[in-house]
Amino acid sequence: MKAKAFDKKFDAGEEIVGDLDLSKAKRPNREQKRVNVDFPVWMVESLDREARHLGVTRQSIIKVWIAERLEKIASNN
């Protein structure tokens, strides 16, 4: 399909997903990179308590809290 025909179909509100090759689609900035961080024992214990309380993993709570802080920083700039 030519780009002009695709754009016309999209602009008309028609379904276009079937016209796309999603096999190689990627979401930008979603790649993972492993990092190692050393925390004091008291901090790990506190993280684990809060993670249990929320019903999530330690890794999840760390990711959420860091993401929240980074979003806050970004919104202040």
N, C-alpha and C. Protein backbone atom coordinates (compact mmCIF):
# COMPACT_ATOMS: atom_id res chain seq x y z
N MET A 1 0.85 -1.17 0.00
CA MET A 1 0.00 0.00 0.00
C MET A 1 0.89 1.24 0.00
N LYS A 2 0.54 2.17 -0.80
CA LYS A 2 1.29 3.43 -0.86
C LYS A 2 0.96 4.28 0.36
N ALA A 3 1.89 5.14 0.75
CA ALA A 3 1.73 5.98 1.93
C ALA A 3 0.51 6.87 1.82
N LYS A 4 0.26 7.38 0.62
CA LYS A 4 -0.88 8.28 0.42
C LYS A 4 -2.20 7.54 0.71
N ALA A 5 -2.31 6.31 0.24
CA ALA A 5 -3.51 5.51 0.47
C ALA A 5 -3.65 5.17 1.96
N PHE A 6 -2.53 4.85 2.60
CA PHE A 6 -2.52 4.55 4.03
C PHE A 6 -3.00 5.77 4.83
N ASP A 7 -2.44 6.94 4.51
CA ASP A 7 -2.82 8.17 5.20
C ASP A 7 -4.30 8.47 5.01
N LYS A 8 -4.80 8.26 3.81
CA LYS A 8 -6.21 8.52 3.52
C LYS A 8 -7.09 7.60 4.37
N LYS A 9 -6.71 6.34 4.42
CA LYS A 9 -7.46 5.36 5.21
C LYS A 9 -7.44 5.74 6.69
N PHE A 10 -6.27 6.14 7.19
CA PHE A 10 -6.14 6.56 8.58
C PHE A 10 -6.99 7.79 8.87
N ASP A 11 -6.87 8.79 8.00
CA ASP A 11 -7.61 10.04 8.19
C ASP A 11 -9.12 9.82 8.15
N ALA A 12 -9.56 8.80 7.42
CA ALA A 12 -10.99 8.49 7.33
C ALA A 12 -11.47 7.71 8.55
N GLY A 13 -10.56 7.36 9.44
CA GLY A 13 -10.93 6.63 10.65
C GLY A 13 -11.10 5.14 10.43
N GLU A 14 -10.60 4.66 9.30
CA GLU A 14 -10.71 3.23 9.01
C GLU A 14 -9.67 2.44 9.79
N GLU A 15 -9.94 1.15 9.94
CA GLU A 15 -9.02 0.25 10.64
C GLU A 15 -7.76 0.06 9.80
N ILE A 16 -6.58 0.33 10.40
CA ILE A 16 -5.31 0.22 9.66
C ILE A 16 -4.38 -0.83 10.23
N VAL A 17 -4.71 -1.40 11.38
CA VAL A 17 -3.80 -2.35 12.04
C VAL A 17 -3.49 -3.52 11.12
N GLY A 18 -4.46 -3.99 10.38
CA GLY A 18 -4.23 -5.11 9.47
C GLY A 18 -3.25 -4.79 8.36
N ASP A 19 -3.04 -3.52 8.10
CA ASP A 19 -2.12 -3.10 7.05
C ASP A 19 -0.69 -2.91 7.56
N LEU A 20 -0.48 -3.08 8.85
CA LEU A 20 0.83 -2.87 9.44
C LEU A 20 1.54 -4.19 9.69
N ASP A 21 2.87 -4.18 9.57
CA ASP A 21 3.69 -5.34 9.94
C ASP A 21 4.17 -5.11 11.37
N LEU A 22 3.49 -5.71 12.33
CA LEU A 22 3.80 -5.50 13.74
C LEU A 22 4.86 -6.46 14.27
N SER A 23 5.36 -7.34 13.40
CA SER A 23 6.33 -8.34 13.87
C SER A 23 7.64 -7.72 14.34
N LYS A 24 7.96 -6.53 13.84
CA LYS A 24 9.22 -5.89 14.23
C LYS A 24 8.97 -4.59 14.99
N ALA A 25 7.73 -4.39 15.43
CA ALA A 25 7.40 -3.16 16.16
C ALA A 25 8.05 -3.17 17.53
N LYS A 26 8.55 -2.00 17.94
CA LYS A 26 9.15 -1.85 19.26
C LYS A 26 8.65 -0.58 19.89
N ARG A 27 8.55 -0.58 21.20
CA ARG A 27 8.21 0.62 21.93
C ARG A 27 9.52 1.31 22.31
N PRO A 28 9.68 2.56 21.94
CA PRO A 28 10.94 3.26 22.23
C PRO A 28 11.16 3.42 23.73
N ASN A 29 12.40 3.41 24.11
CA ASN A 29 12.83 3.61 25.51
C ASN A 29 12.29 2.55 26.46
N ARG A 30 12.03 1.36 25.96
CA ARG A 30 11.54 0.28 26.81
C ARG A 30 12.58 -0.84 26.94
N GLU A 31 13.75 -0.65 26.34
CA GLU A 31 14.78 -1.66 26.46
C GLU A 31 15.23 -1.72 27.92
N GLN A 32 15.64 -2.89 28.34
CA GLN A 32 16.07 -3.07 29.72
C GLN A 32 17.60 -3.04 29.79
N LYS A 33 18.11 -2.53 30.88
CA LYS A 33 19.54 -2.57 31.16
C LYS A 33 19.69 -2.92 32.63
N ARG A 34 20.45 -3.96 32.89
CA ARG A 34 20.64 -4.41 34.27
C ARG A 34 21.68 -3.53 34.95
N VAL A 35 21.35 -3.13 36.19
CA VAL A 35 22.29 -2.39 37.02
C VAL A 35 22.34 -3.05 38.40
N ASN A 36 23.46 -2.97 39.03
CA ASN A 36 23.61 -3.51 40.38
C ASN A 36 23.77 -2.34 41.35
N VAL A 37 23.01 -2.39 42.42
CA VAL A 37 23.06 -1.34 43.43
C VAL A 37 23.19 -2.00 44.79
N ASP A 38 24.11 -1.53 45.59
CA ASP A 38 24.28 -2.05 46.94
C ASP A 38 23.51 -1.15 47.91
N PHE A 39 22.63 -1.77 48.71
CA PHE A 39 21.86 -1.06 49.73
C PHE A 39 22.25 -1.57 51.10
N PRO A 40 22.18 -0.71 52.11
CA PRO A 40 22.40 -1.20 53.47
C PRO A 40 21.29 -2.18 53.85
N VAL A 41 21.57 -3.09 54.76
CA VAL A 41 20.62 -4.12 55.16
C VAL A 41 19.31 -3.50 55.64
N TRP A 42 19.37 -2.43 56.44
CA TRP A 42 18.14 -1.82 56.96
C TRP A 42 17.24 -1.35 55.83
N MET A 43 17.85 -0.86 54.74
CA MET A 43 17.08 -0.36 53.63
C MET A 43 16.40 -1.51 52.87
N VAL A 44 17.11 -2.61 52.69
CA VAL A 44 16.54 -3.78 52.02
C VAL A 44 15.38 -4.32 52.85
N GLU A 45 15.57 -4.37 54.17
CA GLU A 45 14.50 -4.86 55.03
C GLU A 45 13.27 -3.95 54.95
N SER A 46 13.49 -2.65 54.91
CA SER A 46 12.37 -1.71 54.78
C SER A 46 11.68 -1.84 53.43
N LEU A 47 12.47 -2.00 52.39
CA LEU A 47 11.90 -2.21 51.05
C LEU A 47 11.05 -3.48 51.01
N ASP A 48 11.59 -4.55 51.61
CA ASP A 48 10.86 -5.82 51.61
C ASP A 48 9.55 -5.72 52.39
N ARG A 49 9.57 -5.01 53.52
CA ARG A 49 8.33 -4.83 54.30
C ARG A 49 7.29 -4.08 53.49
N GLU A 50 7.71 -2.99 52.86
CA GLU A 50 6.77 -2.20 52.07
C GLU A 50 6.28 -2.97 50.84
N ALA A 51 7.17 -3.73 50.22
CA ALA A 51 6.79 -4.54 49.06
C ALA A 51 5.76 -5.60 49.47
N ARG A 52 5.98 -6.27 50.60
CA ARG A 52 5.00 -7.24 51.10
C ARG A 52 3.67 -6.58 51.39
N HIS A 53 3.72 -5.42 52.01
CA HIS A 53 2.51 -4.68 52.34
C HIS A 53 1.71 -4.34 51.08
N LEU A 54 2.40 -3.98 50.01
CA LEU A 54 1.73 -3.62 48.76
C LEU A 54 1.46 -4.83 47.87
N GLY A 55 2.05 -5.97 48.20
CA GLY A 55 1.85 -7.18 47.40
C GLY A 55 2.61 -7.16 46.09
N VAL A 56 3.79 -6.55 46.10
CA VAL A 56 4.63 -6.49 44.90
C VAL A 56 6.04 -6.97 45.26
N THR A 57 6.88 -7.07 44.25
CA THR A 57 8.27 -7.47 44.50
C THR A 57 9.12 -6.28 44.90
N ARG A 58 10.25 -6.57 45.49
CA ARG A 58 11.21 -5.52 45.85
C ARG A 58 11.61 -4.74 44.60
N GLN A 59 11.89 -5.45 43.52
CA GLN A 59 12.31 -4.79 42.30
C GLN A 59 11.22 -3.84 41.78
N SER A 60 9.98 -4.27 41.86
CA SER A 60 8.87 -3.43 41.39
C SER A 60 8.78 -2.13 42.19
N ILE A 61 8.88 -2.24 43.49
CA ILE A 61 8.74 -1.04 44.31
C ILE A 61 9.91 -0.08 44.07
N ILE A 62 11.10 -0.62 43.88
CA ILE A 62 12.26 0.23 43.58
C ILE A 62 12.04 0.95 42.25
N LYS A 63 11.59 0.22 41.23
CA LYS A 63 11.35 0.83 39.92
C LYS A 63 10.29 1.92 39.98
N VAL A 64 9.20 1.64 40.68
CA VAL A 64 8.12 2.62 40.77
C VAL A 64 8.59 3.87 41.50
N TRP A 65 9.27 3.70 42.62
CA TRP A 65 9.70 4.86 43.39
C TRP A 65 10.73 5.69 42.62
N ILE A 66 11.65 5.05 41.94
CA ILE A 66 12.63 5.80 41.15
C ILE A 66 11.94 6.51 39.99
N ALA A 67 11.00 5.83 39.33
CA ALA A 67 10.27 6.45 38.22
C ALA A 67 9.49 7.68 38.70
N GLU A 68 8.84 7.56 39.87
CA GLU A 68 8.10 8.69 40.41
C GLU A 68 9.02 9.88 40.67
N ARG A 69 10.17 9.60 41.22
CA ARG A 69 11.12 10.68 41.52
C ARG A 69 11.63 11.34 40.25
N LEU A 70 11.95 10.52 39.23
CA LEU A 70 12.44 11.06 37.98
C LEU A 70 11.37 11.88 37.26
N GLU A 71 10.11 11.43 37.32
CA GLU A 71 9.01 12.21 36.72
C GLU A 71 8.85 13.54 37.43
N LYS A 72 8.98 13.53 38.75
CA LYS A 72 8.87 14.77 39.52
C LYS A 72 9.98 15.74 39.13
N ILE A 73 11.19 15.23 38.99
CA ILE A 73 12.32 16.06 38.59
C ILE A 73 12.08 16.64 37.19
N ALA A 74 11.62 15.79 36.28
CA ALA A 74 11.38 16.21 34.90
C ALA A 74 10.29 17.28 34.83
N SER A 75 9.27 17.17 35.68
CA SER A 75 8.18 18.14 35.63
C SER A 75 8.59 19.48 36.23
N ASN A 76 9.64 19.49 37.03
CA ASN A 76 10.13 20.74 37.62
C ASN A 76 11.10 21.47 36.69
N ASN A 77 11.54 20.81 35.64
CA ASN A 77 12.49 21.45 34.71
C ASN A 77 11.79 22.15 33.59
